[in-house]
Amino acid sequence: MRLLLIEDDDLLRTTLAADLERAGFAVDVAADGETGEFLGATEHYDAVVLDLGLPRLPGIDVLQRWRAAGVTSPVIVLTARDQWHERVEGLKAGADDYLGKPFHFEELLARIQVLLRRGPSHAMPLRCGGVELDERKQCAIVDGTRTEILTALEFRLLRCFMLRRGEVLSRSWLASHVYGLDADPDSNVIEVYVNRLRNKLGRDLIRTRRGQGYVFDGAS
């Protein structure tokens, strides 16, 4: 899944981006409000981590502009722990959750995972078509008996499929959610990794729609 992280603290931004990527996310980053507002308005993100104290454009303004423009990506706002009024302002502006600084990465990760599964079609845990995705160990359990270790890219791709099972997902959409802004829409890497998942999980779980993309057909 694809995340946007907007944080002006260089060390925190770099550390969080690396931790989120290790957790299996494609991460785009911005260091100021104007850049972050532009990315959030022009790209699709499954979730956003937004610091409120940003240069060039405050986080509250970024969030208000997104919501006014119809951007519905779930947003976790980061606030100073003692600034309760910032939390209230963030929630009123359309934030879905907040986290006070300093915080443990494990809590941020848990809150992101909750937001990603909040939709009515998202099972918890991710389990369908005889496949269960263990997000902590980044592996797949097939038919309750066989464990398949996944590479980072296989894990990201499978999570995309399972969170949007039954939907037709284009190769370019999958690439952007696996790789982020660096995705090459003309690359055949997605096809390669789809075939790897088929070999590990079963050939019939992921169907090809010619000229359209792929569909994960696992039933919940």
C-alpha atoms as a PDB file:
ATOM      1  CA  MET A   1       0.000   0.000   0.000  1.00  0.00           C
ATOM      2  CA  ARG A   2       1.073   3.566  -0.682  1.00  0.00           C
ATOM      3  CA  LEU A   3       1.584   6.138   2.077  1.00  0.00           C
ATOM      4  CA  LEU A   4       2.388   9.843   2.128  1.00  0.00           C
ATOM      5  CA  LEU A   5       4.538  11.097   5.004  1.00  0.00           C
ATOM      6  CA  ILE A   6       4.684  14.867   5.540  1.00  0.00           C
ATOM      7  CA  GLU A   7       7.183  15.804   8.240  1.00  0.00           C
ATOM      8  CA  ASP A   8       9.674  18.691   8.344  1.00  0.00           C
ATOM      9  CA  ASP A   9      12.089  17.140  10.850  1.00  0.00           C
ATOM     10  CA  ASP A  10      14.760  15.572   8.640  1.00  0.00           C
ATOM     11  CA  LEU A  11      15.811  12.833  11.068  1.00  0.00           C
ATOM     12  CA  LEU A  12      12.263  11.824  11.997  1.00  0.00           C
ATOM     13  CA  ARG A  13      11.120  11.873   8.359  1.00  0.00           C
ATOM     14  CA  THR A  14      14.036   9.717   7.207  1.00  0.00           C
ATOM     15  CA  THR A  15      13.661   7.272  10.093  1.00  0.00           C
ATOM     16  CA  LEU A  16       9.889   6.908   9.727  1.00  0.00           C
ATOM     17  CA  ALA A  17      10.104   6.444   5.965  1.00  0.00           C
ATOM     18  CA  ALA A  18      12.673   3.681   6.372  1.00  0.00           C
ATOM     19  CA  ASP A  19      10.645   1.956   9.109  1.00  0.00           C
ATOM     20  CA  LEU A  20       7.441   2.128   7.064  1.00  0.00           C
ATOM     21  CA  GLU A  21       9.185   0.716   4.007  1.00  0.00           C
ATOM     22  CA  ARG A  22      10.508  -2.169   6.117  1.00  0.00           C
ATOM     23  CA  ALA A  23       6.934  -2.733   7.275  1.00  0.00           C
ATOM     24  CA  GLY A  24       5.931  -3.256   3.641  1.00  0.00           C
ATOM     25  CA  PHE A  25       4.691   0.142   2.469  1.00  0.00           C
ATOM     26  CA  ALA A  26       5.604   2.266  -0.527  1.00  0.00           C
ATOM     27  CA  VAL A  27       6.319   5.697   0.969  1.00  0.00           C
ATOM     28  CA  ASP A  28       6.423   9.152  -0.617  1.00  0.00           C
ATOM     29  CA  VAL A  29       7.720  11.990   1.543  1.00  0.00           C
ATOM     30  CA  ALA A  30       7.408  15.762   1.751  1.00  0.00           C
ATOM     31  CA  ALA A  31       9.240  18.183   4.041  1.00  0.00           C
ATOM     32  CA  ASP A  32       6.832  21.140   3.839  1.00  0.00           C
ATOM     33  CA  GLY A  33       3.120  21.800   3.636  1.00  0.00           C
ATOM     34  CA  GLU A  34       2.979  23.107   0.075  1.00  0.00           C
ATOM     35  CA  THR A  35       4.714  20.070  -1.394  1.00  0.00           C
ATOM     36  CA  GLY A  36       2.673  17.714   0.756  1.00  0.00           C
ATOM     37  CA  GLU A  37      -0.605  19.407  -0.167  1.00  0.00           C
ATOM     38  CA  PHE A  38       0.230  19.097  -3.861  1.00  0.00           C
ATOM     39  CA  LEU A  39       1.138  15.411  -3.615  1.00  0.00           C
ATOM     40  CA  GLY A  40      -1.967  14.557  -1.617  1.00  0.00           C
ATOM     41  CA  ALA A  41      -4.199  16.397  -4.082  1.00  0.00           C
ATOM     42  CA  THR A  42      -2.684  14.917  -7.253  1.00  0.00           C
ATOM     43  CA  GLU A  43      -1.711  11.364  -6.228  1.00  0.00           C
ATOM     44  CA  HIS A  44      -3.745   8.594  -4.625  1.00  0.00           C
ATOM     45  CA  TYR A  45      -2.609   7.441  -1.178  1.00  0.00           C
ATOM     46  CA  ASP A  46      -4.039   4.714   1.007  1.00  0.00           C
ATOM     47  CA  ALA A  47      -3.128   6.724   4.112  1.00  0.00           C
ATOM     48  CA  VAL A  48      -1.301   9.919   5.086  1.00  0.00           C
ATOM     49  CA  VAL A  49       0.835  10.742   8.119  1.00  0.00           C
ATOM     50  CA  LEU A  50       0.690  14.522   8.505  1.00  0.00           C
ATOM     51  CA  ASP A  51       2.648  16.691  10.920  1.00  0.00           C
ATOM     52  CA  LEU A  52       0.750  19.841  11.867  1.00  0.00           C
ATOM     53  CA  GLY A  53       3.779  22.098  12.458  1.00  0.00           C
ATOM     54  CA  LEU A  54       4.985  22.442   8.860  1.00  0.00           C
ATOM     55  CA  PRO A  55       6.828  25.259   7.052  1.00  0.00           C
ATOM     56  CA  ARG A  56       5.296  27.064   4.048  1.00  0.00           C
ATOM     57  CA  LEU A  57       1.782  25.772   4.790  1.00  0.00           C
ATOM     58  CA  PRO A  58       0.502  24.583   8.199  1.00  0.00           C
ATOM     59  CA  GLY A  59      -0.728  20.999   8.424  1.00  0.00           C
ATOM     60  CA  ILE A  60      -4.232  22.142   9.386  1.00  0.00           C
ATOM     61  CA  ASP A  61      -4.463  24.166   6.166  1.00  0.00           C
ATOM     62  CA  VAL A  62      -3.182  21.218   4.153  1.00  0.00           C
ATOM     63  CA  LEU A  63      -5.874  18.978   5.615  1.00  0.00           C
ATOM     64  CA  GLN A  64      -8.651  21.535   5.142  1.00  0.00           C
ATOM     65  CA  ARG A  65      -7.710  22.031   1.476  1.00  0.00           C
ATOM     66  CA  TRP A  66      -7.721  18.281   0.859  1.00  0.00           C
ATOM     67  CA  ARG A  67     -11.137  17.778   2.403  1.00  0.00           C
ATOM     68  CA  ALA A  68     -12.579  20.786   0.566  1.00  0.00           C
ATOM     69  CA  ALA A  69     -11.250  19.309  -2.698  1.00  0.00           C
ATOM     70  CA  GLY A  70     -12.777  15.902  -1.964  1.00  0.00           C
ATOM     71  CA  VAL A  71      -9.572  14.068  -1.012  1.00  0.00           C
ATOM     72  CA  THR A  72     -10.730  11.169   1.169  1.00  0.00           C
ATOM     73  CA  SER A  73      -7.432   9.452   2.048  1.00  0.00           C
ATOM     74  CA  PRO A  74      -7.379   8.630   5.782  1.00  0.00           C
ATOM     75  CA  VAL A  75      -5.066  10.973   7.687  1.00  0.00           C
ATOM     76  CA  ILE A  76      -3.189  10.528  10.952  1.00  0.00           C
ATOM     77  CA  VAL A  77      -2.029  13.873  12.325  1.00  0.00           C
ATOM     78  CA  LEU A  78       1.111  14.189  14.439  1.00  0.00           C
ATOM     79  CA  THR A  79       0.949  16.740  17.251  1.00  0.00           C
ATOM     80  CA  ALA A  80       2.959  17.852  20.239  1.00  0.00           C
ATOM     81  CA  ARG A  81       1.667  15.719  23.116  1.00  0.00           C
ATOM     82  CA  ASP A  82       0.733  18.702  25.311  1.00  0.00           C
ATOM     83  CA  GLN A  83      -1.067  20.619  22.557  1.00  0.00           C
ATOM     84  CA  TRP A  84      -4.583  19.244  23.050  1.00  0.00           C
ATOM     85  CA  HIS A  85      -6.099  22.065  20.995  1.00  0.00           C
ATOM     86  CA  GLU A  86      -4.097  20.908  17.961  1.00  0.00           C
ATOM     87  CA  ARG A  87      -5.669  17.471  18.244  1.00  0.00           C
ATOM     88  CA  VAL A  88      -9.137  18.985  18.389  1.00  0.00           C
ATOM     89  CA  GLU A  89      -8.426  21.262  15.420  1.00  0.00           C
ATOM     90  CA  GLY A  90      -7.060  18.344  13.432  1.00  0.00           C
ATOM     91  CA  LEU A  91     -10.085  16.168  14.062  1.00  0.00           C
ATOM     92  CA  LYS A  92     -12.444  19.029  13.190  1.00  0.00           C
ATOM     93  CA  ALA A  93     -10.522  19.629   9.961  1.00  0.00           C
ATOM     94  CA  GLY A  94     -11.074  16.032   8.867  1.00  0.00           C
ATOM     95  CA  ALA A  95      -8.313  13.939  10.437  1.00  0.00           C
ATOM     96  CA  ASP A  96      -9.142  10.300  11.070  1.00  0.00           C
ATOM     97  CA  ASP A  97      -6.732   9.815  13.977  1.00  0.00           C
ATOM     98  CA  TYR A  98      -3.950  11.610  15.835  1.00  0.00           C
ATOM     99  CA  LEU A  99      -0.733  10.653  17.578  1.00  0.00           C
ATOM    100  CA  GLY A 100       1.205  12.789  20.034  1.00  0.00           C
ATOM    101  CA  LYS A 101       4.958  13.236  19.842  1.00  0.00           C
ATOM    102  CA  PRO A 102       7.118  11.527  20.926  1.00  0.00           C
ATOM    103  CA  PHE A 103       5.640   8.161  19.998  1.00  0.00           C
ATOM    104  CA  HIS A 104       6.659   4.563  19.400  1.00  0.00           C
ATOM    105  CA  PHE A 105       6.753   3.448  15.781  1.00  0.00           C
ATOM    106  CA  GLU A 106       4.792   0.301  16.658  1.00  0.00           C
ATOM    107  CA  GLU A 107       1.837   2.434  17.739  1.00  0.00           C
ATOM    108  CA  LEU A 108       1.911   4.462  14.531  1.00  0.00           C
ATOM    109  CA  LEU A 109       2.056   1.260  12.490  1.00  0.00           C
ATOM    110  CA  ALA A 110      -0.890  -0.224  14.381  1.00  0.00           C
ATOM    111  CA  ARG A 111      -2.967   2.919  13.821  1.00  0.00           C
ATOM    112  CA  ILE A 112      -2.171   2.903  10.092  1.00  0.00           C
ATOM    113  CA  GLN A 113      -3.201  -0.743   9.822  1.00  0.00           C
ATOM    114  CA  VAL A 114      -6.501   0.001  11.573  1.00  0.00           C
ATOM    115  CA  LEU A 115      -7.251   2.843   9.146  1.00  0.00           C
ATOM    116  CA  LEU A 116      -6.443   0.667   6.131  1.00  0.00           C
ATOM    117  CA  ARG A 117      -8.914  -1.980   7.287  1.00  0.00           C
ATOM    118  CA  ARG A 118     -11.662   0.372   8.408  1.00  0.00           C
ATOM    119  CA  GLY A 119     -13.657   0.024   5.165  1.00  0.00           C
ATOM    120  CA  PRO A 120     -16.553  -2.487   5.222  1.00  0.00           C
ATOM    121  CA  SER A 121     -14.881  -4.767   2.689  1.00  0.00           C
ATOM    122  CA  HIS A 122     -11.659  -5.140   4.672  1.00  0.00           C
ATOM    123  CA  ALA A 123     -11.488  -8.300   6.745  1.00  0.00           C
ATOM    124  CA  MET A 124      -9.426  -8.348   9.938  1.00  0.00           C
ATOM    125  CA  PRO A 125      -7.089 -10.139   9.801  1.00  0.00           C
ATOM    126  CA  LEU A 126      -6.546 -10.286   6.049  1.00  0.00           C
ATOM    127  CA  ARG A 127      -7.808 -13.725   5.087  1.00  0.00           C
ATOM    128  CA  CYS A 128      -9.429 -14.853   1.848  1.00  0.00           C
ATOM    129  CA  GLY A 129      -9.267 -17.588  -0.751  1.00  0.00           C
ATOM    130  CA  GLY A 130      -7.566 -19.951   1.688  1.00  0.00           C
ATOM    131  CA  VAL A 131      -4.746 -17.429   2.188  1.00  0.00           C
ATOM    132  CA  GLU A 132      -4.032 -15.531   5.400  1.00  0.00           C
ATOM    133  CA  LEU A 133      -1.550 -12.655   5.376  1.00  0.00           C
ATOM    134  CA  ASP A 134       0.616 -12.398   8.481  1.00  0.00           C
ATOM    135  CA  GLU A 135       1.577  -8.718   8.388  1.00  0.00           C
ATOM    136  CA  ARG A 136       3.926  -8.929  11.352  1.00  0.00           C
ATOM    137  CA  LYS A 137       6.056 -11.730   9.873  1.00  0.00           C
ATOM    138  CA  GLN A 138       5.364 -10.728   6.234  1.00  0.00           C
ATOM    139  CA  CYS A 139       4.421 -14.220   5.160  1.00  0.00           C
ATOM    140  CA  ALA A 140       1.346 -15.983   3.752  1.00  0.00           C
ATOM    141  CA  ILE A 141      -0.329 -19.008   5.331  1.00  0.00           C
ATOM    142  CA  VAL A 142      -1.974 -21.186   2.669  1.00  0.00           C
ATOM    143  CA  ASP A 143      -4.902 -23.453   3.593  1.00  0.00           C
ATOM    144  CA  GLY A 144      -3.935 -23.145   7.251  1.00  0.00           C
ATOM    145  CA  THR A 145      -1.020 -25.538   6.843  1.00  0.00           C
ATOM    146  CA  ARG A 146       1.689 -24.138   4.600  1.00  0.00           C
ATOM    147  CA  THR A 147       3.698 -20.975   5.242  1.00  0.00           C
ATOM    148  CA  GLU A 148       5.161 -19.075   2.314  1.00  0.00           C
ATOM    149  CA  ILE A 149       7.839 -16.494   3.081  1.00  0.00           C
ATOM    150  CA  LEU A 150       7.328 -13.358   0.973  1.00  0.00           C
ATOM    151  CA  THR A 151       9.851 -10.866  -0.294  1.00  0.00           C
ATOM    152  CA  ALA A 152       9.129  -7.212   0.463  1.00  0.00           C
ATOM    153  CA  LEU A 153       7.651  -6.638  -3.013  1.00  0.00           C
ATOM    154  CA  GLU A 154       5.592  -9.832  -2.915  1.00  0.00           C
ATOM    155  CA  PHE A 155       4.209  -8.803   0.466  1.00  0.00           C
ATOM    156  CA  ARG A 156       3.236  -5.309  -0.723  1.00  0.00           C
ATOM    157  CA  LEU A 157       1.625  -6.688  -3.853  1.00  0.00           C
ATOM    158  CA  LEU A 158      -0.349  -9.383  -2.047  1.00  0.00           C
ATOM    159  CA  ARG A 159      -1.601  -6.897   0.538  1.00  0.00           C
ATOM    160  CA  CYS A 160      -2.822  -4.634  -2.276  1.00  0.00           C
ATOM    161  CA  PHE A 161      -4.702  -7.527  -3.828  1.00  0.00           C
ATOM    162  CA  MET A 162      -6.240  -8.730  -0.559  1.00  0.00           C
ATOM    163  CA  LEU A 163      -7.355  -5.279   0.572  1.00  0.00           C
ATOM    164  CA  ARG A 164      -9.042  -4.747  -2.822  1.00  0.00           C
ATOM    165  CA  ARG A 165     -10.119  -8.270  -3.658  1.00  0.00           C
ATOM    166  CA  GLY A 166     -12.625  -8.510  -6.472  1.00  0.00           C
ATOM    167  CA  GLU A 167     -11.494  -5.187  -7.980  1.00  0.00           C
ATOM    168  CA  VAL A 168      -9.722  -4.865 -11.316  1.00  0.00           C
ATOM    169  CA  LEU A 169      -6.296  -3.352 -10.553  1.00  0.00           C
ATOM    170  CA  SER A 170      -4.235  -2.028 -13.446  1.00  0.00           C
ATOM    171  CA  ARG A 171      -0.518  -2.703 -13.708  1.00  0.00           C
ATOM    172  CA  SER A 172       0.253   1.021 -13.401  1.00  0.00           C
ATOM    173  CA  TRP A 173      -1.929   1.341 -10.265  1.00  0.00           C
ATOM    174  CA  LEU A 174      -0.224  -1.641  -8.668  1.00  0.00           C
ATOM    175  CA  ALA A 175       3.211  -0.301  -9.560  1.00  0.00           C
ATOM    176  CA  SER A 176       2.492   3.073  -7.961  1.00  0.00           C
ATOM    177  CA  HIS A 177       1.253   1.398  -4.765  1.00  0.00           C
ATOM    178  CA  VAL A 178       4.203  -0.972  -4.569  1.00  0.00           C
ATOM    179  CA  TYR A 179       6.938   1.484  -5.560  1.00  0.00           C
ATOM    180  CA  GLY A 180       5.468   4.982  -5.021  1.00  0.00           C
ATOM    181  CA  LEU A 181       6.506   7.925  -7.183  1.00  0.00           C
ATOM    182  CA  ASP A 182       9.470   6.012  -8.597  1.00  0.00           C
ATOM    183  CA  ALA A 183       7.208   3.497 -10.343  1.00  0.00           C
ATOM    184  CA  ASP A 184       7.791   2.845 -14.045  1.00  0.00           C
ATOM    185  CA  PRO A 185       4.335   2.223 -15.568  1.00  0.00           C
ATOM    186  CA  ASP A 186       5.889   0.518 -18.594  1.00  0.00           C
ATOM    187  CA  SER A 187       7.897  -1.983 -16.570  1.00  0.00           C
ATOM    188  CA  ASN A 188       6.896  -5.662 -16.591  1.00  0.00           C
ATOM    189  CA  VAL A 189       8.034  -6.139 -12.979  1.00  0.00           C
ATOM    190  CA  ILE A 190       4.433  -6.380 -11.747  1.00  0.00           C
ATOM    191  CA  GLU A 191       3.775  -9.253 -14.141  1.00  0.00           C
ATOM    192  CA  VAL A 192       6.892 -11.006 -12.825  1.00  0.00           C
ATOM    193  CA  TYR A 193       5.780 -10.683  -9.196  1.00  0.00           C
ATOM    194  CA  VAL A 194       2.202 -11.691  -9.965  1.00  0.00           C
ATOM    195  CA  ASN A 195       3.577 -14.918 -11.414  1.00  0.00           C
ATOM    196  CA  ARG A 196       5.698 -15.435  -8.304  1.00  0.00           C
ATOM    197  CA  LEU A 197       2.621 -15.067  -6.104  1.00  0.00           C
ATOM    198  CA  ARG A 198       0.703 -17.496  -8.298  1.00  0.00           C
ATOM    199  CA  ASN A 199       3.490 -20.050  -7.931  1.00  0.00           C
ATOM    200  CA  LYS A 200       3.446 -19.679  -4.146  1.00  0.00           C
ATOM    201  CA  LEU A 201      -0.274 -19.371  -3.483  1.00  0.00           C
ATOM    202  CA  GLY A 202      -2.036 -21.046  -6.412  1.00  0.00           C
ATOM    203  CA  ARG A 203      -2.461 -20.210 -10.073  1.00  0.00           C
ATOM    204  CA  ASP A 204      -6.195 -19.467  -9.865  1.00  0.00           C
ATOM    205  CA  LEU A 205      -6.206 -16.811  -7.125  1.00  0.00           C
ATOM    206  CA  ILE A 206      -5.035 -13.947  -9.331  1.00  0.00           C
ATOM    207  CA  ARG A 207      -6.760 -13.677 -12.713  1.00  0.00           C
ATOM    208  CA  THR A 208      -5.572 -11.593 -15.638  1.00  0.00           C
ATOM    209  CA  ARG A 209      -8.028  -9.223 -17.323  1.00  0.00           C
ATOM    210  CA  ARG A 210      -6.474  -8.560 -20.710  1.00  0.00           C
ATOM    211  CA  GLY A 211      -6.077  -4.858 -21.384  1.00  0.00           C
ATOM    212  CA  GLN A 212      -7.266  -4.033 -17.846  1.00  0.00           C
ATOM    213  CA  GLY A 213      -5.094  -5.597 -15.172  1.00  0.00           C
ATOM    214  CA  TYR A 214      -5.500  -8.242 -12.480  1.00  0.00           C
ATOM    215  CA  VAL A 215      -8.198  -9.422 -10.085  1.00  0.00           C
ATOM    216  CA  PHE A 216      -7.664 -11.252  -6.817  1.00  0.00           C
ATOM    217  CA  ASP A 217     -10.619 -13.629  -6.621  1.00  0.00           C
ATOM    218  CA  GLY A 218     -10.247 -15.065  -3.147  1.00  0.00           C
ATOM    219  CA  ALA A 219     -13.572 -15.327  -1.331  1.00  0.00           C
ATOM    220  CA  SER A 220     -13.635 -14.231   2.278  1.00  0.00           C
END
